[in-house]
Amino acid sequence: MTVVAAHLYRQGERLQALDVNKPNPCTGNPNEFAWIGLIDPTAEELKQLQETYRLHPLAVEDALKGNQLPKVDVYGEQLFVLARTAHLEDDHITYGETALFVGRNHIITVRHGSGRGHAELRAHLEAAPKLLAHGVDYVLHAVLDFIVDGYLPIVETIEEDVLAMEQHAIANFLDGEQVTRLFHLRRQLIRFQRVLGPMGEVCSKLVRLDLPCVDADARPYFSDVLDHVRRVQTMVDALREVLTSVFEVSSLLEQKRQGVITRQLAAWAAILAVPTAIAGIYGMNFENMPELKAEYGYFVVLGVIAALCVTLFVSFKRAKWL
């Protein structure tokens, strides 16, 4: 069986390791519970735990499916919680799933595709037996808090990238590859929001509703997790707005640059039109044209052309077209 860890706890202290192939060792003592951690179990393995700990078949089916939205279900005196994990891999947010079966004397975690194990979390809780003595609801809070805390580094990493892109967009212009990456990050954040919303609802239910296996004293802990989810949601919303503004700023700067180039081209075209027009007139093959016999006509025409071109150049320079 894909068991990562399985232990029996009493008064917050680890009592003994569990053999999941044997009957439930819990005696009904309210200060005693079993904590079993599984990763990618098979249907047969979960079925065995279902019989041992009387897990509801619908909850077992949900734990095997994968790719579901976070939720909270109540089955008699047991609680089933589904949470989504997330981690960042090369600008791509990869999602996993953690299902939790919570009873009065047991909590079973089932992980699918989660890159972060619970060994560090378990060691941290075991180092504080007074907190662990609160029971399964405190462990449930700790697992959810552990999952939500994994969201923050994702947002912070993307935030650093977005701020760097924003600075680059102001100093230079975004090329096609950078614009593609910008829209990719925006899509990733939109998908992330689809996970954050249901996760917030899960925490909200654990705070507001009278649920089995969750004591009233534990609700402030879930309220803290809810605050963390809302903080991440706020950061994601702000990041989406920044991504949109970066694209808009880049587009406006590009339009401004194109406008400057257009004005410069128009100004030089107007300046060059003067000698072109005069030379075109005197290039016509008519016999009777004024000033053709003038001794200094050539120099006069060049002087007129130069004067007109300088006048236009100065005018365009003052208008900041050149």
Protein backbone atom coordinates (compact mmCIF):
# COMPACT_ATOMS: atom_id res chain seq x y z
CA MET A 1 0.00 0.00 0.00
CA THR A 2 1.23 3.51 -0.83
CA VAL A 3 1.32 4.60 2.81
CA VAL A 4 3.65 7.50 3.50
CA ALA A 5 3.06 7.53 7.27
CA ALA A 6 0.56 6.03 9.69
CA HIS A 7 0.67 6.66 13.43
CA LEU A 8 -1.56 6.57 16.48
CA TYR A 9 -1.58 9.68 18.68
CA ARG A 10 -2.74 10.13 22.25
CA GLN A 11 -2.77 13.48 24.08
CA GLY A 12 -0.81 14.94 21.17
CA GLU A 13 2.03 12.44 21.53
CA ARG A 14 2.89 9.81 18.96
CA LEU A 15 2.00 6.50 20.52
CA GLN A 16 2.86 3.88 17.91
CA ALA A 17 3.07 3.16 14.20
CA LEU A 18 -0.04 1.69 12.58
CA ASP A 19 -0.45 -1.30 10.34
CA VAL A 20 -3.23 -0.24 7.97
CA ASN A 21 -3.87 -3.89 7.11
CA LYS A 22 -5.06 -4.51 10.67
CA PRO A 23 -8.30 -3.32 12.35
CA ASN A 24 -8.66 0.22 13.65
CA PRO A 25 -6.60 0.39 16.87
CA CYS A 26 -8.48 3.39 18.27
CA THR A 27 -10.32 2.48 21.47
CA GLY A 28 -12.79 5.37 21.37
CA ASN A 29 -10.74 7.54 23.69
CA PRO A 30 -11.55 11.17 22.69
CA ASN A 31 -7.89 12.08 23.17
CA GLU A 32 -6.75 9.43 20.73
CA PHE A 33 -6.72 9.48 16.93
CA ALA A 34 -5.03 7.85 13.94
CA TRP A 35 -3.35 9.89 11.22
CA ILE A 36 -2.71 8.03 7.97
CA GLY A 37 -1.10 9.58 4.93
CA LEU A 38 -1.41 8.02 1.45
CA ILE A 39 -0.10 9.04 -1.95
CA ASP A 40 -1.71 7.91 -5.22
CA PRO A 41 -3.44 4.83 -3.73
CA THR A 42 -5.24 2.27 -5.86
CA ALA A 43 -8.96 1.55 -5.62
CA GLU A 44 -8.26 -1.72 -3.80
CA GLU A 45 -6.09 0.02 -1.22
CA LEU A 46 -8.73 2.64 -0.49
CA LYS A 47 -11.41 -0.03 -0.33
CA GLN A 48 -9.50 -1.72 2.47
CA LEU A 49 -9.35 1.54 4.42
CA GLN A 50 -13.01 2.11 3.63
CA GLU A 51 -13.92 -1.11 5.42
CA THR A 52 -11.56 -0.48 8.34
CA TYR A 53 -12.58 3.12 9.03
CA ARG A 54 -16.12 2.98 7.59
CA LEU A 55 -15.49 5.60 4.93
CA HIS A 56 -18.45 6.58 2.79
CA PRO A 57 -18.26 5.04 -0.71
CA LEU A 58 -19.08 8.35 -2.42
CA ALA A 59 -16.20 10.04 -0.61
CA VAL A 60 -13.88 7.19 -1.61
CA GLU A 61 -15.01 7.57 -5.21
CA ASP A 62 -14.28 11.32 -5.13
CA ALA A 63 -10.86 10.69 -3.62
CA LEU A 64 -9.99 8.42 -6.56
CA LYS A 65 -11.30 10.62 -9.38
CA GLY A 66 -8.90 13.54 -9.22
CA ASN A 67 -9.16 16.92 -10.97
CA GLN A 68 -12.12 18.06 -8.89
CA LEU A 69 -12.84 21.44 -7.36
CA PRO A 70 -12.34 21.93 -3.61
CA LYS A 71 -15.40 21.05 -1.52
CA VAL A 72 -16.70 19.91 1.87
CA ASP A 73 -19.11 16.97 2.21
CA VAL A 74 -20.71 15.59 5.33
CA TYR A 75 -21.42 11.86 5.60
CA GLY A 76 -23.03 11.13 8.93
CA GLU A 77 -20.43 11.72 11.63
CA GLN A 78 -17.60 11.97 9.14
CA LEU A 79 -16.29 14.85 7.10
CA PHE A 80 -14.80 14.72 3.62
CA VAL A 81 -12.70 17.68 2.48
CA LEU A 82 -11.17 18.06 -0.96
CA ALA A 83 -8.42 20.65 -1.49
CA ARG A 84 -6.28 21.56 -4.50
CA THR A 85 -2.54 21.95 -4.25
CA ALA A 86 -0.50 24.04 -6.69
CA HIS A 87 3.13 24.66 -7.58
CA LEU A 88 4.88 26.62 -10.32
CA GLU A 89 6.94 24.94 -13.06
CA ASP A 90 8.41 27.17 -15.77
CA ASP A 91 5.57 29.72 -15.90
CA HIS A 92 3.01 26.91 -15.66
CA ILE A 93 0.94 26.33 -12.53
CA THR A 94 0.60 22.58 -11.96
CA TYR A 95 -2.23 21.38 -9.76
CA GLY A 96 -2.57 18.42 -7.44
CA GLU A 97 -5.26 17.22 -5.09
CA THR A 98 -5.46 16.30 -1.42
CA ALA A 99 -8.52 14.49 -0.07
CA LEU A 100 -9.10 14.28 3.68
CA PHE A 101 -11.35 11.80 5.47
CA VAL A 102 -12.03 13.13 8.95
CA GLY A 103 -13.67 11.10 11.70
CA ARG A 104 -13.79 11.48 15.45
CA ASN A 105 -10.73 9.27 15.90
CA HIS A 106 -9.03 9.31 12.52
CA ILE A 107 -7.85 11.55 9.73
CA ILE A 108 -6.73 10.07 6.41
CA THR A 109 -5.01 12.23 3.78
CA VAL A 110 -4.87 11.08 0.15
CA ARG A 111 -2.54 13.01 -2.15
CA HIS A 112 -2.58 13.02 -5.95
CA GLY A 113 0.03 14.93 -7.97
CA SER A 114 1.16 17.04 -5.03
CA GLY A 115 4.82 17.98 -5.08
CA ARG A 116 4.95 18.82 -1.35
CA GLY A 117 4.78 15.98 1.14
CA HIS A 118 3.40 16.23 4.67
CA ALA A 119 6.49 14.87 6.45
CA GLU A 120 7.69 18.33 7.42
CA LEU A 121 4.20 19.32 8.55
CA ARG A 122 3.82 16.15 10.62
CA ALA A 123 7.19 16.74 12.29
CA HIS A 124 6.23 20.35 13.04
CA LEU A 125 2.97 19.29 14.66
CA GLU A 126 4.60 16.51 16.65
CA ALA A 127 7.02 19.07 18.04
CA ALA A 128 4.04 20.91 19.58
CA PRO A 129 2.00 18.16 21.31
CA LYS A 130 -0.20 20.67 23.13
CA LEU A 131 -1.57 21.86 19.80
CA LEU A 132 -1.74 18.37 18.33
CA ALA A 133 -3.73 17.32 21.38
CA HIS A 134 -6.65 19.39 20.03
CA GLY A 135 -7.39 16.43 17.77
CA VAL A 136 -8.30 15.78 14.15
CA ASP A 137 -9.81 19.21 13.51
CA TYR A 138 -6.49 20.86 14.32
CA VAL A 139 -4.69 18.46 11.96
CA LEU A 140 -7.29 19.29 9.28
CA HIS A 141 -6.56 22.98 9.79
CA ALA A 142 -2.81 22.38 9.63
CA VAL A 143 -3.05 20.48 6.33
CA LEU A 144 -5.27 23.15 4.74
CA ASP A 145 -2.99 25.90 6.01
CA PHE A 146 0.00 24.01 4.59
CA ILE A 147 -1.70 23.79 1.19
CA VAL A 148 -2.75 27.45 1.12
CA ASP A 149 0.71 28.61 2.22
CA GLY A 150 2.02 26.89 -0.92
CA TYR A 151 -0.02 29.33 -3.03
CA LEU A 152 1.86 32.43 -1.90
CA PRO A 153 5.28 31.62 -3.44
CA ILE A 154 3.53 31.05 -6.79
CA VAL A 155 1.97 34.50 -6.76
CA GLU A 156 5.15 36.16 -5.51
CA THR A 157 7.25 34.57 -8.26
CA ILE A 158 4.80 35.63 -10.97
CA GLU A 159 4.61 39.08 -9.40
CA GLU A 160 8.39 39.52 -9.69
CA ASP A 161 8.27 38.48 -13.34
CA VAL A 162 5.37 40.81 -14.09
CA LEU A 163 7.08 43.78 -12.42
CA ALA A 164 10.22 43.08 -14.45
CA MET A 165 8.11 42.98 -17.63
CA GLU A 166 6.44 46.24 -16.62
CA GLN A 167 9.81 47.94 -16.18
CA HIS A 168 11.00 46.56 -19.52
CA ALA A 169 7.81 47.74 -21.25
CA ILE A 170 8.42 51.29 -20.03
CA ALA A 171 12.10 51.37 -20.99
CA ASN A 172 11.75 49.47 -24.25
CA PHE A 173 9.02 47.65 -26.15
CA LEU A 174 7.67 44.15 -25.66
CA ASP A 175 8.48 41.83 -28.51
CA GLY A 176 6.20 39.06 -29.76
CA GLU A 177 7.65 36.45 -27.40
CA GLN A 178 7.18 38.66 -24.36
CA VAL A 179 3.59 39.49 -25.32
CA THR A 180 2.87 35.77 -25.72
CA ARG A 181 4.33 35.11 -22.26
CA LEU A 182 2.27 37.95 -20.82
CA PHE A 183 -0.98 36.41 -22.07
CA HIS A 184 0.18 32.96 -20.91
CA LEU A 185 0.65 34.26 -17.36
CA ARG A 186 -2.75 35.90 -17.51
CA ARG A 187 -4.37 32.58 -18.48
CA GLN A 188 -2.54 30.85 -15.63
CA LEU A 189 -3.88 33.38 -13.13
CA ILE A 190 -7.43 33.02 -14.45
CA ARG A 191 -7.24 29.25 -13.92
CA PHE A 192 -5.72 29.80 -10.49
CA GLN A 193 -8.70 31.97 -9.55
CA ARG A 194 -11.00 29.04 -10.35
CA VAL A 195 -9.23 27.11 -7.59
CA LEU A 196 -8.99 29.96 -5.08
CA GLY A 197 -12.73 30.65 -5.14
CA PRO A 198 -13.81 27.12 -4.08
CA MET A 199 -10.93 26.94 -1.57
CA GLY A 200 -12.28 30.08 0.05
CA GLU A 201 -15.74 28.50 0.18
CA VAL A 202 -14.30 25.39 1.87
CA CYS A 203 -12.63 27.47 4.57
CA SER A 204 -15.74 29.62 4.96
CA LYS A 205 -17.91 26.55 5.57
CA LEU A 206 -15.47 25.23 8.17
CA VAL A 207 -15.69 28.60 9.92
CA ARG A 208 -19.45 29.21 9.75
CA LEU A 209 -21.17 25.84 9.71
CA ASP A 210 -21.71 23.38 12.54
CA LEU A 211 -19.86 20.39 11.11
CA PRO A 212 -19.01 17.02 12.64
CA CYS A 213 -15.44 16.54 13.91
CA VAL A 214 -14.89 20.31 14.00
CA ASP A 215 -15.18 21.87 17.45
CA ALA A 216 -16.12 25.49 17.95
CA ASP A 217 -12.68 26.16 19.47
CA ALA A 218 -11.06 25.18 16.17
CA ARG A 219 -13.01 27.63 14.01
CA PRO A 220 -10.65 30.59 14.58
CA TYR A 221 -7.87 28.47 13.07
CA PHE A 222 -9.91 27.94 9.89
CA SER A 223 -10.69 31.64 9.87
CA ASP A 224 -6.96 32.29 9.69
CA VAL A 225 -6.68 29.95 6.68
CA LEU A 226 -9.59 31.80 5.05
CA ASP A 227 -7.73 35.09 5.52
CA HIS A 228 -4.71 33.59 3.75
CA VAL A 229 -6.86 32.47 0.81
CA ARG A 230 -8.41 35.93 0.51
CA ARG A 231 -4.98 37.53 0.62
CA VAL A 232 -3.82 35.35 -2.28
CA GLN A 233 -7.06 36.15 -4.17
CA THR A 234 -6.41 39.87 -3.72
CA MET A 235 -2.85 39.49 -4.99
CA VAL A 236 -4.01 37.50 -8.03
CA ASP A 237 -6.66 40.12 -8.87
CA ALA A 238 -4.03 42.86 -8.64
CA LEU A 239 -1.62 40.87 -10.81
CA ARG A 240 -4.25 40.42 -13.52
CA GLU A 241 -4.79 44.18 -13.58
CA VAL A 242 -1.03 44.80 -13.77
CA LEU A 243 -0.70 42.33 -16.66
CA THR A 244 -3.47 44.15 -18.50
CA SER A 245 -1.88 47.53 -17.82
CA VAL A 246 1.54 46.30 -18.99
CA PHE A 247 0.05 45.27 -22.32
CA GLU A 248 -1.86 48.55 -22.64
CA VAL A 249 1.22 50.63 -21.77
CA SER A 250 3.30 48.69 -24.27
CA SER A 251 0.65 49.23 -26.95
CA LEU A 252 0.38 52.95 -26.19
CA LEU A 253 4.15 53.40 -26.28
CA GLU A 254 4.33 51.53 -29.57
CA GLN A 255 1.59 53.74 -31.02
CA LYS A 256 3.42 56.81 -29.75
CA ARG A 257 6.66 55.62 -31.34
CA GLN A 258 4.88 54.98 -34.63
CA GLY A 259 3.29 58.43 -34.44
CA VAL A 260 6.69 60.06 -33.93
CA ILE A 261 8.13 58.18 -36.90
CA THR A 262 5.11 59.14 -39.03
CA ARG A 263 5.52 62.84 -38.16
CA GLN A 264 9.22 62.71 -38.92
CA LEU A 265 8.62 61.09 -42.28
CA ALA A 266 5.91 63.64 -43.08
CA ALA A 267 8.21 66.54 -42.11
CA TRP A 268 11.10 65.30 -44.27
CA ALA A 269 8.70 64.60 -47.12
CA ALA A 270 7.44 68.20 -46.93
CA ILE A 271 11.00 69.54 -46.91
CA LEU A 272 12.05 67.39 -49.86
CA ALA A 273 8.89 68.36 -51.76
CA VAL A 274 10.19 71.95 -52.20
CA PRO A 275 13.29 71.19 -54.31
CA THR A 276 11.40 68.41 -56.06
CA ALA A 277 8.62 70.80 -57.10
CA ILE A 278 10.96 73.58 -58.24
CA ALA A 279 13.26 71.20 -60.08
CA GLY A 280 10.23 69.58 -61.68
CA ILE A 281 8.95 72.91 -62.95
CA TYR A 282 12.27 73.94 -64.46
CA GLY A 283 12.74 70.50 -65.87
CA MET A 284 9.78 70.92 -68.23
CA ASN A 285 10.82 71.30 -71.88
CA PHE A 286 9.05 74.55 -72.72
CA GLU A 287 10.85 77.14 -74.80
CA ASN A 288 9.24 80.21 -73.25
CA MET A 289 9.90 79.95 -69.47
CA PRO A 290 10.76 82.91 -67.19
CA GLU A 291 14.32 83.40 -66.00
CA LEU A 292 15.78 80.81 -68.38
CA LYS A 293 18.16 83.42 -69.76
CA ALA A 294 18.98 85.02 -66.38
CA GLU A 295 22.70 85.13 -65.71
CA TYR A 296 22.36 84.23 -62.01
CA GLY A 297 19.09 82.30 -62.26
CA TYR A 298 20.67 78.97 -61.26
CA PHE A 299 22.11 80.42 -58.05
CA VAL A 300 18.91 82.27 -57.25
CA VAL A 301 16.88 79.09 -57.56
CA LEU A 302 19.32 77.20 -55.31
CA GLY A 303 19.13 80.01 -52.78
CA VAL A 304 15.33 79.98 -52.82
CA ILE A 305 15.31 76.20 -52.38
CA ALA A 306 17.77 76.39 -49.49
CA ALA A 307 15.84 79.20 -47.80
CA LEU A 308 12.52 77.38 -48.06
CA CYS A 309 14.01 74.10 -46.81
CA VAL A 310 15.67 75.80 -43.83
CA THR A 311 12.44 77.63 -42.99
CA LEU A 312 10.46 74.37 -43.07
CA PHE A 313 13.14 72.56 -41.04
CA VAL A 314 13.09 75.23 -38.32
CA SER A 315 9.27 75.23 -38.25
CA PHE A 316 9.09 71.44 -37.88
CA LYS A 317 11.82 71.52 -35.24
CA ARG A 318 9.87 74.03 -33.15
CA ALA A 319 6.75 71.89 -33.53
CA LYS A 320 8.84 68.90 -32.31
CA TRP A 321 8.19 66.93 -35.47
CA LEU A 322 11.94 66.58 -35.98
